[in-house]
Amino acid sequence: MTLMETLYKEHDEIWAFTEQMTQKCIDLMEHNVFDADSFRADIAYIRTYADATHHKKEEDLLFRAMLDELGQVAENLIRHGMLVEHDQARLYVMELENAVNAYETDRSPALKLEILSQAMDYVHLLRRHIEKENGAIYPFAERALSPDTMRKLEAQFQAEWNHA
């Protein structure tokens, strides 16, 4: 699978995860279903897959190439858009983890609301982020990056990430 195919596929998987997270929030809100370990597993998934696997590919490969080759337009799209959103997602996850840890010992409505707020902020951010990347950023990169750059990206991806 190519780099771009992989990034799109990972988006599909992350989107499916956001649907599961939404259901988990509904279950907490409507039925008071709370499993701290399950939330921690979700946080681990976000950190290891959505961030350390998917976002790292974007940041280390695609976005770096765009910044190196495409000038100010990439600077605006990547540094002031996509990378800001990656950092914002990390903040939501950190705050979600704090809320889960606190709610485990203090089942206050305020902490329950904090879990719901942080989890759904993450869900909404990631869904908008995926739509922007799939609809604009990735197609722009595929059109605007030189064929030579795309070949180099693909070779680097195959060497570093695609060991299957």
N, C-alpha and C. Protein backbone atom coordinates (compact mmCIF):
# COMPACT_ATOMS: atom_id res chain seq x y z
N MET A 1 0.84 -1.18 0.00
CA MET A 1 0.00 0.00 0.00
C MET A 1 0.89 1.24 0.00
N THR A 2 0.51 2.26 -0.75
CA THR A 2 1.30 3.48 -0.82
C THR A 2 1.09 4.34 0.42
N LEU A 3 1.94 5.34 0.56
CA LEU A 3 1.80 6.29 1.67
C LEU A 3 0.42 6.91 1.66
N MET A 4 -0.01 7.45 0.53
CA MET A 4 -1.29 8.15 0.50
C MET A 4 -2.45 7.19 0.75
N GLU A 5 -2.39 6.01 0.18
CA GLU A 5 -3.44 5.01 0.45
C GLU A 5 -3.49 4.68 1.94
N THR A 6 -2.33 4.57 2.54
CA THR A 6 -2.25 4.26 3.97
C THR A 6 -2.85 5.38 4.80
N LEU A 7 -2.52 6.62 4.47
CA LEU A 7 -3.06 7.74 5.24
C LEU A 7 -4.59 7.79 5.15
N TYR A 8 -5.13 7.60 3.97
CA TYR A 8 -6.60 7.57 3.82
C TYR A 8 -7.20 6.41 4.61
N LYS A 9 -6.60 5.24 4.53
CA LYS A 9 -7.10 4.07 5.25
C LYS A 9 -7.07 4.31 6.76
N GLU A 10 -6.00 4.90 7.24
CA GLU A 10 -5.91 5.20 8.67
C GLU A 10 -6.99 6.19 9.08
N HIS A 11 -7.31 7.13 8.22
CA HIS A 11 -8.41 8.05 8.51
C HIS A 11 -9.71 7.28 8.69
N ASP A 12 -9.96 6.30 7.83
CA ASP A 12 -11.18 5.49 7.97
C ASP A 12 -11.22 4.81 9.33
N GLU A 13 -10.09 4.27 9.75
CA GLU A 13 -10.03 3.58 11.04
C GLU A 13 -10.22 4.55 12.20
N ILE A 14 -9.62 5.73 12.11
CA ILE A 14 -9.77 6.73 13.17
C ILE A 14 -11.21 7.23 13.21
N TRP A 15 -11.83 7.41 12.05
CA TRP A 15 -13.23 7.83 12.00
C TRP A 15 -14.11 6.80 12.71
N ALA A 16 -13.88 5.51 12.43
CA ALA A 16 -14.65 4.45 13.09
C ALA A 16 -14.45 4.52 14.60
N PHE A 17 -13.23 4.81 15.02
CA PHE A 17 -12.96 4.96 16.45
C PHE A 17 -13.77 6.12 17.03
N THR A 18 -13.89 7.23 16.31
CA THR A 18 -14.66 8.37 16.83
C THR A 18 -16.13 8.00 17.00
N GLU A 19 -16.63 7.12 16.16
CA GLU A 19 -18.01 6.65 16.32
C GLU A 19 -18.15 5.83 17.59
N GLN A 20 -17.17 4.99 17.88
CA GLN A 20 -17.19 4.21 19.12
C GLN A 20 -17.08 5.12 20.34
N MET A 21 -16.22 6.14 20.25
CA MET A 21 -16.07 7.08 21.36
C MET A 21 -17.37 7.84 21.60
N THR A 22 -18.05 8.22 20.54
CA THR A 22 -19.33 8.89 20.68
C THR A 22 -20.32 8.00 21.41
N GLN A 23 -20.38 6.73 21.04
CA GLN A 23 -21.29 5.80 21.72
C GLN A 23 -20.93 5.63 23.18
N LYS A 24 -19.64 5.60 23.47
CA LYS A 24 -19.20 5.48 24.86
C LYS A 24 -19.66 6.70 25.67
N CYS A 25 -19.62 7.87 25.06
CA CYS A 25 -20.08 9.08 25.74
C CYS A 25 -21.59 9.05 25.96
N ILE A 26 -22.32 8.57 24.99
CA ILE A 26 -23.78 8.43 25.14
C ILE A 26 -24.09 7.45 26.28
N ASP A 27 -23.37 6.35 26.32
CA ASP A 27 -23.59 5.37 27.39
C ASP A 27 -23.29 5.96 28.77
N LEU A 28 -22.26 6.76 28.87
CA LEU A 28 -21.95 7.42 30.13
C LEU A 28 -23.04 8.43 30.49
N MET A 29 -23.46 9.21 29.51
CA MET A 29 -24.45 10.26 29.75
C MET A 29 -25.82 9.67 30.09
N GLU A 30 -26.28 8.71 29.29
CA GLU A 30 -27.65 8.21 29.45
C GLU A 30 -27.79 7.07 30.46
N HIS A 31 -26.75 6.24 30.57
CA HIS A 31 -26.88 5.03 31.39
C HIS A 31 -25.85 4.96 32.52
N ASN A 32 -25.05 5.99 32.65
CA ASN A 32 -24.03 6.07 33.69
C ASN A 32 -23.03 4.91 33.61
N VAL A 33 -22.77 4.44 32.38
CA VAL A 33 -21.81 3.37 32.15
C VAL A 33 -20.42 3.99 32.10
N PHE A 34 -19.60 3.65 33.06
CA PHE A 34 -18.24 4.18 33.11
C PHE A 34 -17.27 3.06 33.43
N ASP A 35 -16.30 2.86 32.57
CA ASP A 35 -15.24 1.89 32.76
C ASP A 35 -13.92 2.62 32.52
N ALA A 36 -13.25 2.95 33.61
CA ALA A 36 -12.01 3.73 33.51
C ALA A 36 -10.98 3.02 32.63
N ASP A 37 -10.87 1.70 32.76
CA ASP A 37 -9.90 0.96 31.95
C ASP A 37 -10.23 1.03 30.47
N SER A 38 -11.50 1.03 30.13
CA SER A 38 -11.90 1.15 28.74
C SER A 38 -11.55 2.53 28.18
N PHE A 39 -11.79 3.57 28.97
CA PHE A 39 -11.38 4.91 28.54
C PHE A 39 -9.86 4.99 28.41
N ARG A 40 -9.15 4.37 29.33
CA ARG A 40 -7.68 4.38 29.24
C ARG A 40 -7.20 3.64 27.99
N ALA A 41 -7.87 2.57 27.64
CA ALA A 41 -7.53 1.85 26.41
C ALA A 41 -7.76 2.74 25.19
N ASP A 42 -8.84 3.52 25.22
CA ASP A 42 -9.10 4.46 24.12
C ASP A 42 -8.01 5.53 24.05
N ILE A 43 -7.61 6.04 25.19
CA ILE A 43 -6.55 7.04 25.24
C ILE A 43 -5.25 6.44 24.70
N ALA A 44 -4.96 5.21 25.07
CA ALA A 44 -3.76 4.53 24.56
C ALA A 44 -3.85 4.37 23.04
N TYR A 45 -5.02 4.00 22.54
CA TYR A 45 -5.21 3.87 21.09
C TYR A 45 -4.94 5.21 20.39
N ILE A 46 -5.49 6.26 20.94
CA ILE A 46 -5.29 7.59 20.35
C ILE A 46 -3.80 7.92 20.32
N ARG A 47 -3.14 7.71 21.43
CA ARG A 47 -1.73 8.09 21.51
C ARG A 47 -0.84 7.20 20.63
N THR A 48 -1.12 5.92 20.58
CA THR A 48 -0.24 5.04 19.83
C THR A 48 -0.59 4.96 18.35
N TYR A 49 -1.88 4.98 18.03
CA TYR A 49 -2.26 4.83 16.63
C TYR A 49 -2.54 6.17 15.97
N ALA A 50 -3.52 6.91 16.47
CA ALA A 50 -3.89 8.17 15.82
C ALA A 50 -2.73 9.16 15.83
N ASP A 51 -2.01 9.22 16.93
CA ASP A 51 -0.95 10.22 17.04
C ASP A 51 0.42 9.65 16.65
N ALA A 52 0.92 8.67 17.38
CA ALA A 52 2.30 8.20 17.17
C ALA A 52 2.47 7.42 15.86
N THR A 53 1.40 6.92 15.30
CA THR A 53 1.50 6.22 14.02
C THR A 53 1.03 7.13 12.89
N HIS A 54 -0.24 7.52 12.91
CA HIS A 54 -0.80 8.28 11.79
C HIS A 54 -0.25 9.71 11.73
N HIS A 55 -0.41 10.47 12.80
CA HIS A 55 0.05 11.86 12.76
C HIS A 55 1.56 11.95 12.55
N LYS A 56 2.29 10.98 13.06
CA LYS A 56 3.74 10.99 12.86
C LYS A 56 4.08 10.83 11.39
N LYS A 57 3.37 9.96 10.67
CA LYS A 57 3.60 9.83 9.23
C LYS A 57 3.35 11.16 8.53
N GLU A 58 2.24 11.78 8.89
CA GLU A 58 1.94 13.07 8.27
C GLU A 58 3.04 14.09 8.58
N GLU A 59 3.37 14.22 9.85
CA GLU A 59 4.32 15.24 10.27
C GLU A 59 5.72 14.99 9.73
N ASP A 60 6.19 13.75 9.82
CA ASP A 60 7.56 13.44 9.43
C ASP A 60 7.75 13.28 7.92
N LEU A 61 6.71 12.90 7.22
CA LEU A 61 6.83 12.65 5.79
C LEU A 61 6.10 13.71 4.98
N LEU A 62 4.80 13.60 4.89
CA LEU A 62 4.02 14.43 3.97
C LEU A 62 4.12 15.91 4.31
N PHE A 63 3.86 16.27 5.54
CA PHE A 63 3.86 17.70 5.90
C PHE A 63 5.24 18.31 5.76
N ARG A 64 6.27 17.57 6.14
CA ARG A 64 7.64 18.07 6.01
C ARG A 64 7.95 18.35 4.53
N ALA A 65 7.57 17.42 3.66
CA ALA A 65 7.81 17.61 2.22
C ALA A 65 7.04 18.82 1.70
N MET A 66 5.81 18.98 2.16
CA MET A 66 5.02 20.13 1.72
C MET A 66 5.66 21.43 2.18
N LEU A 67 6.11 21.48 3.42
CA LEU A 67 6.75 22.68 3.93
C LEU A 67 8.04 22.98 3.19
N ASP A 68 8.80 21.94 2.88
CA ASP A 68 10.07 22.12 2.17
C ASP A 68 9.88 22.60 0.74
N GLU A 69 8.82 22.14 0.09
CA GLU A 69 8.70 22.37 -1.34
C GLU A 69 7.66 23.41 -1.75
N LEU A 70 6.63 23.62 -0.94
CA LEU A 70 5.49 24.39 -1.44
C LEU A 70 5.36 25.80 -0.86
N GLY A 71 6.31 26.23 -0.07
CA GLY A 71 6.36 27.62 0.35
C GLY A 71 5.24 28.07 1.27
N GLN A 72 4.84 29.33 1.08
CA GLN A 72 3.93 30.00 2.02
C GLN A 72 2.56 29.33 2.11
N VAL A 73 2.05 28.83 1.01
CA VAL A 73 0.74 28.19 1.07
C VAL A 73 0.80 26.96 1.99
N ALA A 74 1.85 26.19 1.91
CA ALA A 74 2.02 25.03 2.80
C ALA A 74 2.25 25.50 4.23
N GLU A 75 3.01 26.56 4.38
CA GLU A 75 3.25 27.12 5.72
C GLU A 75 1.91 27.43 6.39
N ASN A 76 1.02 28.08 5.66
CA ASN A 76 -0.29 28.43 6.22
C ASN A 76 -1.12 27.18 6.49
N LEU A 77 -1.20 26.29 5.54
CA LEU A 77 -2.03 25.09 5.69
C LEU A 77 -1.51 24.15 6.76
N ILE A 78 -0.20 23.95 6.78
CA ILE A 78 0.38 22.94 7.66
C ILE A 78 0.69 23.50 9.05
N ARG A 79 1.56 24.50 9.11
CA ARG A 79 1.96 25.02 10.43
C ARG A 79 0.83 25.69 11.18
N HIS A 80 -0.01 26.43 10.46
CA HIS A 80 -1.06 27.20 11.13
C HIS A 80 -2.41 26.51 11.08
N GLY A 81 -2.43 25.31 10.54
CA GLY A 81 -3.67 24.55 10.45
C GLY A 81 -3.51 23.16 11.00
N MET A 82 -2.95 22.27 10.20
CA MET A 82 -2.90 20.85 10.57
C MET A 82 -2.09 20.59 11.84
N LEU A 83 -0.92 21.21 11.96
CA LEU A 83 -0.10 20.96 13.15
C LEU A 83 -0.73 21.54 14.41
N VAL A 84 -1.40 22.67 14.27
CA VAL A 84 -2.13 23.26 15.41
C VAL A 84 -3.21 22.29 15.86
N GLU A 85 -3.92 21.70 14.90
CA GLU A 85 -4.97 20.75 15.25
C GLU A 85 -4.41 19.48 15.87
N HIS A 86 -3.26 19.01 15.42
CA HIS A 86 -2.63 17.86 16.06
C HIS A 86 -2.34 18.17 17.53
N ASP A 87 -1.80 19.36 17.79
CA ASP A 87 -1.51 19.75 19.17
C ASP A 87 -2.78 19.90 19.99
N GLN A 88 -3.81 20.46 19.38
CA GLN A 88 -5.09 20.60 20.08
C GLN A 88 -5.66 19.23 20.44
N ALA A 89 -5.56 18.27 19.55
CA ALA A 89 -6.02 16.92 19.83
C ALA A 89 -5.26 16.33 21.02
N ARG A 90 -3.95 16.56 21.06
CA ARG A 90 -3.15 16.05 22.19
C ARG A 90 -3.60 16.67 23.50
N LEU A 91 -3.94 17.94 23.48
CA LEU A 91 -4.45 18.60 24.68
C LEU A 91 -5.76 17.98 25.12
N TYR A 92 -6.69 17.77 24.20
CA TYR A 92 -7.98 17.15 24.56
C TYR A 92 -7.76 15.77 25.18
N VAL A 93 -6.83 15.01 24.66
CA VAL A 93 -6.57 13.67 25.18
C VAL A 93 -5.97 13.75 26.58
N MET A 94 -5.05 14.67 26.79
CA MET A 94 -4.48 14.84 28.12
C MET A 94 -5.56 15.24 29.13
N GLU A 95 -6.42 16.16 28.74
CA GLU A 95 -7.50 16.59 29.63
C GLU A 95 -8.51 15.48 29.85
N LEU A 96 -8.78 14.67 28.83
CA LEU A 96 -9.67 13.51 28.99
C LEU A 96 -9.07 12.54 30.00
N GLU A 97 -7.80 12.27 29.88
CA GLU A 97 -7.14 11.36 30.82
C GLU A 97 -7.24 11.89 32.25
N ASN A 98 -7.01 13.17 32.43
CA ASN A 98 -7.13 13.78 33.76
C ASN A 98 -8.54 13.63 34.31
N ALA A 99 -9.53 13.85 33.46
CA ALA A 99 -10.92 13.75 33.89
C ALA A 99 -11.29 12.30 34.24
N VAL A 100 -10.85 11.36 33.44
CA VAL A 100 -11.12 9.94 33.72
C VAL A 100 -10.50 9.55 35.06
N ASN A 101 -9.27 9.94 35.28
CA ASN A 101 -8.61 9.62 36.54
C ASN A 101 -9.33 10.23 37.73
N ALA A 102 -9.77 11.46 37.59
CA ALA A 102 -10.47 12.13 38.68
C ALA A 102 -11.85 11.52 38.92
N TYR A 103 -12.56 11.22 37.85
CA TYR A 103 -13.91 10.67 37.96
C TYR A 103 -13.92 9.28 38.57
N GLU A 104 -12.85 8.58 38.43
CA GLU A 104 -12.75 7.23 38.99
C GLU A 104 -12.94 7.26 40.51
N THR A 105 -12.48 8.33 41.15
CA THR A 105 -12.61 8.43 42.60
C THR A 105 -13.67 9.42 43.05
N ASP A 106 -14.08 10.32 42.17
CA ASP A 106 -15.10 11.33 42.53
C ASP A 106 -16.12 11.39 41.39
N ARG A 107 -17.21 10.71 41.56
CA ARG A 107 -18.24 10.62 40.51
C ARG A 107 -19.13 11.87 40.48
N SER A 108 -18.52 13.02 40.49
CA SER A 108 -19.29 14.26 40.47
C SER A 108 -19.82 14.55 39.07
N PRO A 109 -20.94 15.24 39.00
CA PRO A 109 -21.47 15.64 37.69
C PRO A 109 -20.49 16.51 36.90
N ALA A 110 -19.74 17.34 37.58
CA ALA A 110 -18.78 18.21 36.90
C ALA A 110 -17.69 17.40 36.21
N LEU A 111 -17.21 16.35 36.86
CA LEU A 111 -16.17 15.51 36.25
C LEU A 111 -16.75 14.64 35.13
N LYS A 112 -17.98 14.19 35.29
CA LYS A 112 -18.64 13.45 34.22
C LYS A 112 -18.78 14.35 32.99
N LEU A 113 -19.18 15.58 33.22
CA LEU A 113 -19.29 16.55 32.12
C LEU A 113 -17.93 16.80 31.48
N GLU A 114 -16.89 16.83 32.27
CA GLU A 114 -15.53 17.05 31.74
C GLU A 114 -15.12 15.90 30.83
N ILE A 115 -15.41 14.68 31.23
CA ILE A 115 -15.12 13.52 30.37
C ILE A 115 -15.86 13.66 29.05
N LEU A 116 -17.16 13.91 29.15
CA LEU A 116 -17.97 14.04 27.94
C LEU A 116 -17.48 15.18 27.05
N SER A 117 -17.15 16.29 27.65
CA SER A 117 -16.70 17.47 26.90
C SER A 117 -15.38 17.20 26.19
N GLN A 118 -14.40 16.68 26.92
CA GLN A 118 -13.09 16.45 26.31
C GLN A 118 -13.15 15.37 25.24
N ALA A 119 -13.88 14.30 25.52
CA ALA A 119 -13.99 13.22 24.54
C ALA A 119 -14.68 13.71 23.27
N MET A 120 -15.76 14.45 23.42
CA MET A 120 -16.49 14.91 22.23
C MET A 120 -15.76 16.05 21.54
N ASP A 121 -15.02 16.87 22.28
CA ASP A 121 -14.17 17.86 21.61
C ASP A 121 -13.15 17.15 20.72
N TYR A 122 -12.55 16.08 21.23
CA TYR A 122 -11.61 15.30 20.43
C TYR A 122 -12.31 14.72 19.19
N VAL A 123 -13.47 14.11 19.38
CA VAL A 123 -14.22 13.52 18.27
C VAL A 123 -14.51 14.56 17.20
N HIS A 124 -15.05 15.70 17.60
CA HIS A 124 -15.40 16.74 16.62
C HIS A 124 -14.17 17.29 15.91
N LEU A 125 -13.11 17.53 16.66
CA LEU A 125 -11.88 18.02 16.05
C LEU A 125 -11.35 17.03 15.03
N LEU A 126 -11.27 15.74 15.40
CA LEU A 126 -10.71 14.75 14.49
C LEU A 126 -11.57 14.57 13.25
N ARG A 127 -12.87 14.62 13.40
CA ARG A 127 -13.73 14.47 12.22
C ARG A 127 -13.54 15.64 11.25
N ARG A 128 -13.51 16.85 11.77
CA ARG A 128 -13.27 18.02 10.90
C ARG A 128 -11.87 17.95 10.28
N HIS A 129 -10.92 17.53 11.08
CA HIS A 129 -9.53 17.42 10.64
C HIS A 129 -9.42 16.41 9.49
N ILE A 130 -10.02 15.26 9.65
CA ILE A 130 -10.01 14.23 8.61
C ILE A 130 -10.67 14.76 7.34
N GLU A 131 -11.80 15.43 7.48
CA GLU A 131 -12.48 15.98 6.30
C GLU A 131 -11.59 16.98 5.56
N LYS A 132 -10.88 17.81 6.29
CA LYS A 132 -9.98 18.79 5.67
C LYS A 132 -8.82 18.09 4.96
N GLU A 133 -8.23 17.12 5.64
CA GLU A 133 -7.09 16.43 5.02
C GLU A 133 -7.54 15.63 3.80
N ASN A 134 -8.60 14.86 3.94
CA ASN A 134 -9.07 14.05 2.81
C ASN A 134 -9.57 14.92 1.65
N GLY A 135 -10.23 16.02 1.98
CA GLY A 135 -10.84 16.84 0.95
C GLY A 135 -9.95 17.91 0.35
N ALA A 136 -8.93 18.33 1.07
CA ALA A 136 -8.11 19.44 0.58
C ALA A 136 -6.61 19.19 0.69
N ILE A 137 -6.12 18.85 1.87
CA ILE A 137 -4.68 18.77 2.09
C ILE A 137 -4.04 17.65 1.27
N TYR A 138 -4.56 16.45 1.37
CA TYR A 138 -3.98 15.33 0.63
C TYR A 138 -4.08 15.54 -0.88
N PRO A 139 -5.27 15.91 -1.41
CA PRO A 139 -5.32 16.14 -2.86
C PRO A 139 -4.38 17.26 -3.31
N PHE A 140 -4.26 18.31 -2.51
CA PHE A 140 -3.33 19.40 -2.84
C PHE A 140 -1.90 18.87 -2.90
N ALA A 141 -1.51 18.09 -1.89
CA ALA A 141 -0.15 17.53 -1.87
C ALA A 141 0.09 16.65 -3.09
N GLU A 142 -0.87 15.83 -3.44
CA GLU A 142 -0.72 14.92 -4.59
C GLU A 142 -0.59 15.69 -5.90
N ARG A 143 -1.26 16.84 -5.99
CA ARG A 143 -1.17 17.67 -7.21
C ARG A 143 0.09 18.53 -7.22
N ALA A 144 0.44 19.10 -6.07
CA ALA A 144 1.45 20.15 -6.03
C ALA A 144 2.87 19.65 -5.81
N LEU A 145 3.03 18.55 -5.09
CA LEU A 145 4.39 18.05 -4.88
C LEU A 145 4.92 17.47 -6.18
N SER A 146 6.19 17.67 -6.42
CA SER A 146 6.79 17.17 -7.66
C SER A 146 6.78 15.65 -7.67
N PRO A 147 6.78 15.06 -8.85
CA PRO A 147 6.86 13.60 -8.93
C PRO A 147 8.10 13.05 -8.23
N ASP A 148 9.22 13.76 -8.32
CA ASP A 148 10.43 13.33 -7.64
C ASP A 148 10.24 13.30 -6.12
N THR A 149 9.61 14.33 -5.58
CA THR A 149 9.33 14.38 -4.14
C THR A 149 8.40 13.25 -3.73
N MET A 150 7.38 13.00 -4.54
CA MET A 150 6.44 11.92 -4.23
C MET A 150 7.16 10.57 -4.24
N ARG A 151 8.08 10.36 -5.18
CA ARG A 151 8.85 9.11 -5.23
C ARG A 151 9.73 8.98 -3.97
N LYS A 152 10.37 10.08 -3.58
CA LYS A 152 11.21 10.06 -2.38
C LYS A 152 10.37 9.78 -1.13
N LEU A 153 9.20 10.41 -1.04
CA LEU A 153 8.31 10.16 0.09
C LEU A 153 7.91 8.69 0.15
N GLU A 154 7.57 8.16 -1.01
CA GLU A 154 7.15 6.76 -1.08
C GLU A 154 8.28 5.83 -0.66
N ALA A 155 9.48 6.10 -1.13
CA ALA A 155 10.63 5.27 -0.76
C ALA A 155 10.89 5.35 0.74
N GLN A 156 10.81 6.55 1.29
CA GLN A 156 11.03 6.71 2.73
C GLN A 156 9.93 5.99 3.51
N PHE A 157 8.68 6.13 3.07
CA PHE A 157 7.58 5.44 3.73
C PHE A 157 7.79 3.93 3.68
N GLN A 158 8.11 3.40 2.53
CA GLN A 158 8.30 1.95 2.40
C GLN A 158 9.44 1.47 3.31
N ALA A 159 10.51 2.25 3.40
CA ALA A 159 11.67 1.85 4.21
C ALA A 159 11.39 1.94 5.72
N GLU A 160 10.64 2.97 6.12
CA GLU A 160 10.46 3.24 7.54
C GLU A 160 9.17 2.68 8.14
N TRP A 161 8.12 2.55 7.32
CA TRP A 161 6.80 2.25 7.87
C TRP A 161 6.14 1.01 7.32
N ASN A 162 6.37 0.71 6.09
CA ASN A 162 5.59 -0.35 5.44
C ASN A 162 6.40 -1.65 5.43
N HIS A 163 6.42 -2.31 6.55
CA HIS A 163 7.21 -3.53 6.69
C HIS A 163 6.40 -4.79 6.47
N ALA A 164 5.20 -4.62 5.96
CA ALA A 164 4.31 -5.80 5.78
C ALA A 164 4.68 -6.59 4.56
